Amino acid sequence: MSAPAIDPVRTPVTASPTGKSAGKQRTTPARFDTALGWSDRPGLAWALRVLLCVLALGVFAAPFVTVFSGSFSEKASGSTLSFLPHHPTLLNFRVAGERGIWDYFGNSLVIAGGGLLLQLVVCTLAAYALARHRFRGQALILTLFMLTMMLPEEVIAIPLSLVLGHVPVVGLDLKGTVWGVILPLGAWGFSVMVLTEFMKDIPAEIEEAARIDGVGELRMLWQVILPLCKPALGVAGVLGFIMIWDQYLLPLIAAKDPTDYTVTVALSILRTDPEVGSGVVLAGAVIALVPSLIVYLLLQRSLVTGIAAGATKG
């Protein structure tokens, strides 16, 4: 993320007794240019900013701290806030493991990994064609990609279930397989839009110079375009993984047996199980949270850079 803008304050140039300037003009940093007028000196704006930061931290961090605390508590309650575990124990994780949470976790990893790989490949190829080439119906195709983001999953659930049960032309039944979840996630309008807009800003001179050297389309994409799109790929990778990992309805309608469920579906099963308490459900939630957190931490720099690059266009 780029550093906040700093207004330079020019210091006057003092003349020496000989009539020459004592030195060149120099600049000293003024206060940060923010909405609250952030300053290093304590004051009303400083106190207000600190207060807002504390409130935001409490609103966003308190639920996560409570989930972590409850997952390690012997008697956790989902209706009360607790920042420290009561009688710390790992029993909740052991019970969750006995209920098959790790099998569901493995299903989620396979689906998220395969789905994200397929999604990045398809969206990158589509974005390259839309951004670096001109053809009839280009705007219509991009609009169709955007329309896929406007349809709620509940609307297409029944038609998708019928298609997965009998895929047209080939006649395959994809229910009960990981492909039944991976293939519908192969293209995401958001990733196509982000990558397309980012690729459009790559100077045409770079592509023209590569074509003079005899570079073909796939090599152009792999060796010239993609290295310049790392921030956009970071945005598509992080948000795409989280989108796939959080899928609930698609794994539910694509499964034939409870063993085909993902960890998100397993959490709802644990929640309705009368033999387990809230601590086991919270332990399952912590297990489901860890992959998304790891992916974000690994790609946060690309994510922030990509968002900042998109916000400063024009």
Protein backbone atom coordinates (compact mmCIF):
# COMPACT_ATOMS: atom_id res chain seq x y z
CA MET A 1 0.00 0.00 0.00
CA SER A 2 1.36 3.40 -0.88
CA ALA A 3 2.42 5.69 1.94
CA PRO A 4 0.03 8.48 2.90
CA ALA A 5 0.58 11.76 1.12
CA ILE A 6 2.74 14.22 3.01
CA ASP A 7 2.51 17.95 2.41
CA PRO A 8 5.95 19.46 2.21
CA VAL A 9 6.52 22.60 4.25
CA ARG A 10 9.27 24.71 2.84
CA THR A 11 11.56 26.44 5.27
CA PRO A 12 12.67 29.95 4.39
CA VAL A 13 16.20 30.40 3.09
CA THR A 14 18.30 32.61 5.33
CA ALA A 15 20.97 34.75 3.82
CA SER A 16 24.52 34.73 5.18
CA PRO A 17 26.40 37.94 6.03
CA THR A 18 28.15 37.63 2.68
CA GLY A 19 24.81 37.86 0.91
CA LYS A 20 24.75 34.23 -0.19
CA SER A 21 22.11 31.77 0.87
CA ALA A 22 23.06 29.69 3.88
CA GLY A 23 21.90 26.50 2.19
CA LYS A 24 19.52 24.98 -0.26
CA GLN A 25 15.84 24.83 0.39
CA ARG A 26 14.83 21.77 2.33
CA THR A 27 11.48 20.23 3.07
CA THR A 28 10.18 18.91 6.36
CA PRO A 29 7.16 16.59 6.62
CA ALA A 30 3.92 18.08 7.82
CA ARG A 31 0.99 16.17 9.25
CA PHE A 32 -0.49 13.20 7.45
CA ASP A 33 -3.23 14.08 4.99
CA THR A 34 -6.13 12.08 6.42
CA ALA A 35 -9.80 12.71 7.06
CA LEU A 36 -9.15 13.15 10.78
CA GLY A 37 -5.98 15.19 10.36
CA TRP A 38 -3.69 12.63 12.02
CA SER A 39 -0.88 14.27 13.96
CA ASP A 40 1.89 12.95 16.17
CA ARG A 41 0.84 15.40 18.88
CA PRO A 42 -1.92 14.36 21.30
CA GLY A 43 -5.11 16.27 20.73
CA LEU A 44 -8.78 15.93 19.90
CA ALA A 45 -8.21 14.47 16.42
CA TRP A 46 -5.58 12.08 17.77
CA ALA A 47 -7.89 10.87 20.57
CA LEU A 48 -10.82 10.49 18.17
CA ARG A 49 -8.75 8.44 15.75
CA VAL A 50 -7.49 6.15 18.52
CA LEU A 51 -11.06 5.72 19.79
CA LEU A 52 -12.34 4.79 16.33
CA CYS A 53 -9.48 2.30 15.84
CA VAL A 54 -10.26 0.67 19.19
CA LEU A 55 -13.98 0.45 18.35
CA ALA A 56 -13.27 -1.05 14.91
CA LEU A 57 -10.85 -3.54 16.45
CA GLY A 58 -13.45 -4.53 19.03
CA VAL A 59 -16.22 -4.97 16.46
CA PHE A 60 -14.17 -7.10 14.06
CA ALA A 61 -11.82 -8.91 16.42
CA ALA A 62 -14.18 -9.71 19.31
CA PRO A 63 -16.13 -12.45 17.46
CA PHE A 64 -12.92 -14.19 16.35
CA VAL A 65 -11.40 -14.02 19.83
CA THR A 66 -14.63 -15.41 21.27
CA VAL A 67 -14.63 -18.31 18.80
CA PHE A 68 -11.02 -19.19 19.62
CA SER A 69 -11.69 -18.90 23.33
CA GLY A 70 -14.84 -21.02 23.19
CA SER A 71 -13.15 -23.75 21.15
CA PHE A 72 -10.68 -24.33 24.00
CA SER A 73 -13.23 -23.98 26.83
CA GLU A 74 -14.56 -27.01 28.64
CA LYS A 75 -18.07 -25.57 28.80
CA ALA A 76 -18.46 -23.03 26.04
CA SER A 77 -21.59 -21.03 25.34
CA GLY A 78 -22.37 -19.49 22.01
CA SER A 79 -24.56 -16.80 23.58
CA THR A 80 -21.93 -15.15 25.79
CA LEU A 81 -18.75 -13.25 24.96
CA SER A 82 -15.60 -14.65 26.50
CA PHE A 83 -12.07 -13.57 25.67
CA LEU A 84 -10.33 -16.20 27.82
CA PRO A 85 -11.13 -19.95 27.82
CA HIS A 86 -12.68 -21.39 30.97
CA HIS A 87 -10.84 -24.54 32.04
CA PRO A 88 -8.72 -24.83 28.84
CA THR A 89 -8.94 -28.21 27.11
CA LEU A 90 -8.47 -29.87 23.71
CA LEU A 91 -11.48 -32.12 24.21
CA ASN A 92 -13.61 -30.12 21.76
CA PHE A 93 -11.15 -30.72 18.92
CA ARG A 94 -10.95 -34.41 19.76
CA VAL A 95 -14.73 -34.77 19.69
CA ALA A 96 -14.90 -32.83 16.42
CA GLY A 97 -12.30 -35.20 14.96
CA GLU A 98 -14.34 -38.20 16.09
CA ARG A 99 -17.33 -36.70 14.26
CA GLY A 100 -15.33 -36.73 11.01
CA ILE A 101 -14.39 -33.07 10.80
CA TRP A 102 -10.95 -33.90 9.38
CA ASP A 103 -12.45 -35.95 6.55
CA TYR A 104 -14.70 -33.03 5.63
CA PHE A 105 -11.68 -30.75 5.95
CA GLY A 106 -9.79 -32.89 3.42
CA ASN A 107 -12.73 -32.72 1.00
CA SER A 108 -12.70 -28.93 1.29
CA LEU A 109 -8.96 -28.73 0.62
CA VAL A 110 -9.24 -30.84 -2.54
CA ILE A 111 -12.21 -28.84 -3.83
CA ALA A 112 -10.71 -25.45 -2.94
CA GLY A 113 -7.32 -26.30 -4.45
CA GLY A 114 -8.67 -27.79 -7.66
CA GLY A 115 -11.43 -25.20 -8.01
CA LEU A 116 -9.06 -22.26 -7.51
CA LEU A 117 -6.53 -23.64 -10.00
CA LEU A 118 -9.23 -24.18 -12.64
CA GLN A 119 -10.78 -20.80 -11.90
CA LEU A 120 -7.51 -18.89 -12.27
CA VAL A 121 -6.69 -20.65 -15.55
CA VAL A 122 -10.13 -20.05 -17.09
CA CYS A 123 -10.45 -16.46 -15.83
CA THR A 124 -6.92 -15.56 -16.94
CA LEU A 125 -7.48 -16.87 -20.46
CA ALA A 126 -10.85 -15.12 -20.68
CA ALA A 127 -9.44 -11.85 -19.35
CA TYR A 128 -6.51 -11.97 -21.79
CA ALA A 129 -8.86 -12.40 -24.73
CA LEU A 130 -11.16 -9.60 -23.54
CA ALA A 131 -8.39 -7.16 -22.65
CA ARG A 132 -5.76 -7.64 -25.37
CA HIS A 133 -7.90 -8.51 -28.40
CA ARG A 134 -10.82 -6.91 -30.21
CA PHE A 135 -13.66 -8.97 -31.67
CA ARG A 136 -17.40 -8.80 -32.18
CA GLY A 137 -19.56 -9.46 -29.15
CA GLN A 138 -16.77 -8.59 -26.72
CA ALA A 139 -18.97 -6.36 -24.56
CA LEU A 140 -21.74 -8.96 -24.59
CA ILE A 141 -19.40 -11.70 -23.33
CA LEU A 142 -18.13 -9.48 -20.51
CA THR A 143 -21.75 -8.65 -19.61
CA LEU A 144 -22.59 -12.34 -19.44
CA PHE A 145 -19.71 -12.87 -17.02
CA MET A 146 -21.06 -10.04 -14.86
CA LEU A 147 -24.57 -11.51 -14.95
CA THR A 148 -23.29 -14.68 -13.30
CA MET A 149 -22.57 -12.59 -10.20
CA MET A 150 -26.12 -11.23 -10.03
CA LEU A 151 -27.96 -14.52 -9.80
CA PRO A 152 -28.43 -15.87 -6.24
CA GLU A 153 -27.32 -19.46 -5.71
CA GLU A 154 -30.83 -20.39 -4.60
CA VAL A 155 -32.22 -19.48 -8.04
CA ILE A 156 -29.91 -21.82 -9.96
CA ALA A 157 -29.74 -24.58 -7.34
CA ILE A 158 -32.41 -26.85 -8.86
CA PRO A 159 -31.31 -26.44 -12.53
CA LEU A 160 -27.69 -26.98 -11.49
CA SER A 161 -28.64 -30.11 -9.57
CA LEU A 162 -30.34 -31.51 -12.69
CA VAL A 163 -27.35 -30.67 -14.89
CA LEU A 164 -24.89 -32.29 -12.47
CA GLY A 165 -27.03 -35.42 -12.38
CA HIS A 166 -26.94 -35.73 -16.16
CA VAL A 167 -24.42 -33.51 -17.95
CA PRO A 168 -25.69 -32.64 -21.44
CA VAL A 169 -23.96 -34.16 -24.50
CA VAL A 170 -21.63 -36.43 -22.50
CA GLY A 171 -24.35 -37.78 -20.20
CA LEU A 172 -22.12 -38.07 -17.13
CA ASP A 173 -23.37 -38.09 -13.55
CA LEU A 174 -21.07 -35.80 -11.54
CA LYS A 175 -22.95 -36.03 -8.26
CA GLY A 176 -20.93 -37.56 -5.48
CA THR A 177 -17.62 -36.53 -7.08
CA VAL A 178 -15.35 -33.55 -6.47
CA TRP A 179 -15.84 -32.53 -10.12
CA GLY A 180 -19.48 -31.84 -9.36
CA VAL A 181 -18.31 -28.98 -7.13
CA ILE A 182 -15.13 -27.93 -8.96
CA LEU A 183 -16.50 -27.52 -12.50
CA PRO A 184 -19.31 -25.05 -11.65
CA LEU A 185 -16.68 -22.88 -9.93
CA GLY A 186 -14.38 -22.86 -12.96
CA ALA A 187 -15.32 -19.32 -13.98
CA TRP A 188 -16.07 -16.37 -11.70
CA GLY A 189 -17.19 -13.03 -13.09
CA PHE A 190 -15.37 -11.05 -10.42
CA SER A 191 -11.97 -12.53 -11.27
CA VAL A 192 -12.58 -12.01 -14.99
CA MET A 193 -13.46 -8.37 -14.36
CA VAL A 194 -10.43 -7.69 -12.13
CA LEU A 195 -7.94 -9.36 -14.47
CA THR A 196 -9.47 -7.76 -17.58
CA GLU A 197 -9.26 -4.23 -16.21
CA PHE A 198 -5.72 -4.81 -14.99
CA MET A 199 -4.53 -6.24 -18.32
CA LYS A 200 -6.04 -3.32 -20.23
CA ASP A 201 -3.60 -0.95 -18.51
CA ILE A 202 -0.49 -2.81 -19.71
CA PRO A 203 1.17 -0.63 -22.39
CA ALA A 204 0.70 -1.91 -25.92
CA GLU A 205 4.35 -1.14 -26.70
CA ILE A 206 5.45 -4.04 -24.48
CA GLU A 207 3.27 -6.47 -26.41
CA GLU A 208 4.37 -5.05 -29.78
CA ALA A 209 8.05 -5.44 -28.87
CA ALA A 210 7.46 -9.05 -27.85
CA ARG A 211 5.63 -9.83 -31.09
CA ILE A 212 8.53 -8.43 -33.10
CA ASP A 213 10.70 -11.04 -31.37
CA GLY A 214 8.32 -13.75 -32.54
CA VAL A 215 6.47 -14.39 -29.27
CA GLY A 216 3.25 -16.37 -29.67
CA GLU A 217 -0.02 -15.97 -27.80
CA LEU A 218 0.54 -18.45 -24.96
CA ARG A 219 4.13 -17.34 -24.45
CA MET A 220 2.98 -13.72 -24.52
CA LEU A 221 0.47 -14.45 -21.78
CA TRP A 222 2.84 -16.54 -19.66
CA GLN A 223 6.09 -14.57 -19.94
CA VAL A 224 4.93 -10.99 -20.61
CA ILE A 225 1.40 -10.33 -19.35
CA LEU A 226 1.13 -12.51 -16.25
CA PRO A 227 4.33 -11.23 -14.54
CA LEU A 228 2.85 -7.73 -14.76
CA CYS A 229 -0.47 -8.91 -13.30
CA LYS A 230 0.77 -10.33 -10.00
CA PRO A 231 -1.26 -7.87 -7.87
CA ALA A 232 -4.46 -8.71 -9.76
CA LEU A 233 -3.70 -12.43 -9.51
CA GLY A 234 -3.26 -11.96 -5.76
CA VAL A 235 -6.71 -10.37 -5.49
CA ALA A 236 -8.30 -13.09 -7.62
CA GLY A 237 -6.46 -15.82 -5.69
CA VAL A 238 -7.35 -14.67 -2.19
CA LEU A 239 -10.99 -13.78 -2.87
CA GLY A 240 -11.46 -16.79 -5.14
CA PHE A 241 -10.16 -19.20 -2.48
CA ILE A 242 -12.40 -17.68 0.19
CA MET A 243 -15.40 -17.83 -2.15
CA ILE A 244 -14.80 -21.51 -2.93
CA TRP A 245 -13.96 -22.44 0.65
CA ASP A 246 -17.16 -20.84 1.97
CA GLN A 247 -19.44 -22.64 -0.50
CA TYR A 248 -22.36 -24.27 1.26
CA LEU A 249 -25.22 -24.85 -1.17
CA LEU A 250 -23.17 -26.26 -4.05
CA PRO A 251 -21.45 -29.04 -2.04
CA LEU A 252 -24.82 -29.85 -0.52
CA ILE A 253 -26.64 -30.39 -3.83
CA ALA A 254 -23.64 -32.09 -5.48
CA ALA A 255 -23.25 -34.72 -2.74
CA LYS A 256 -24.79 -38.17 -2.83
CA ASP A 257 -23.60 -39.23 0.61
CA PRO A 258 -22.75 -37.36 3.82
CA THR A 259 -19.11 -38.39 3.34
CA ASP A 260 -19.02 -36.07 0.29
CA TYR A 261 -19.75 -32.96 2.39
CA THR A 262 -17.26 -30.16 2.92
CA VAL A 263 -16.31 -28.61 6.25
CA THR A 264 -18.85 -25.80 5.88
CA VAL A 265 -21.68 -28.33 5.55
CA ALA A 266 -20.19 -30.36 8.41
CA LEU A 267 -20.48 -27.35 10.73
CA SER A 268 -24.24 -27.28 10.22
CA ILE A 269 -24.35 -31.00 10.99
CA LEU A 270 -22.39 -30.48 14.21
CA ARG A 271 -24.68 -27.63 15.17
CA THR A 272 -27.77 -29.85 14.93
CA ASP A 273 -26.16 -32.78 16.72
CA PRO A 274 -27.73 -32.99 20.19
CA GLU A 275 -24.81 -35.00 21.59
CA VAL A 276 -22.20 -32.26 21.11
CA GLY A 277 -22.04 -28.86 22.71
CA SER A 278 -21.21 -25.39 21.49
CA GLY A 279 -17.51 -25.94 22.17
CA VAL A 280 -17.30 -28.67 19.51
CA VAL A 281 -19.03 -26.43 16.97
CA LEU A 282 -16.63 -23.60 17.78
CA ALA A 283 -13.68 -25.99 17.45
CA GLY A 284 -14.93 -26.95 13.99
CA ALA A 285 -15.26 -23.26 13.13
CA VAL A 286 -11.63 -22.67 14.12
CA ILE A 287 -10.51 -25.57 11.93
CA ALA A 288 -12.51 -24.15 9.02
CA LEU A 289 -11.06 -20.69 9.59
CA VAL A 290 -7.37 -21.62 9.49
CA PRO A 291 -6.92 -22.17 5.67
CA SER A 292 -8.54 -18.86 4.75
CA LEU A 293 -6.38 -17.10 7.31
CA ILE A 294 -3.19 -18.72 6.00
CA VAL A 295 -4.01 -17.85 2.37
CA TYR A 296 -4.73 -14.25 3.32
CA LEU A 297 -1.51 -13.88 5.30
CA LEU A 298 0.56 -15.35 2.46
CA LEU A 299 -1.00 -13.16 -0.23
CA GLN A 300 -1.97 -10.05 1.72
CA ARG A 301 0.72 -7.91 0.06
CA SER A 302 -0.54 -8.78 -3.42
CA LEU A 303 -4.12 -8.29 -2.26
CA VAL A 304 -3.47 -4.81 -0.86
CA THR A 305 -1.32 -3.83 -3.86
CA GLY A 306 -3.99 -4.99 -6.31
CA ILE A 307 -6.79 -3.17 -4.52
CA ALA A 308 -4.71 0.00 -4.28
CA ALA A 309 -3.81 -0.22 -7.97
CA GLY A 310 -7.46 -0.55 -8.91
CA ALA A 311 -8.45 2.36 -6.68
CA THR A 312 -5.90 4.76 -8.19
CA LYS A 313 -6.68 4.18 -11.87
CA GLY A 314 -7.45 7.23 -13.91
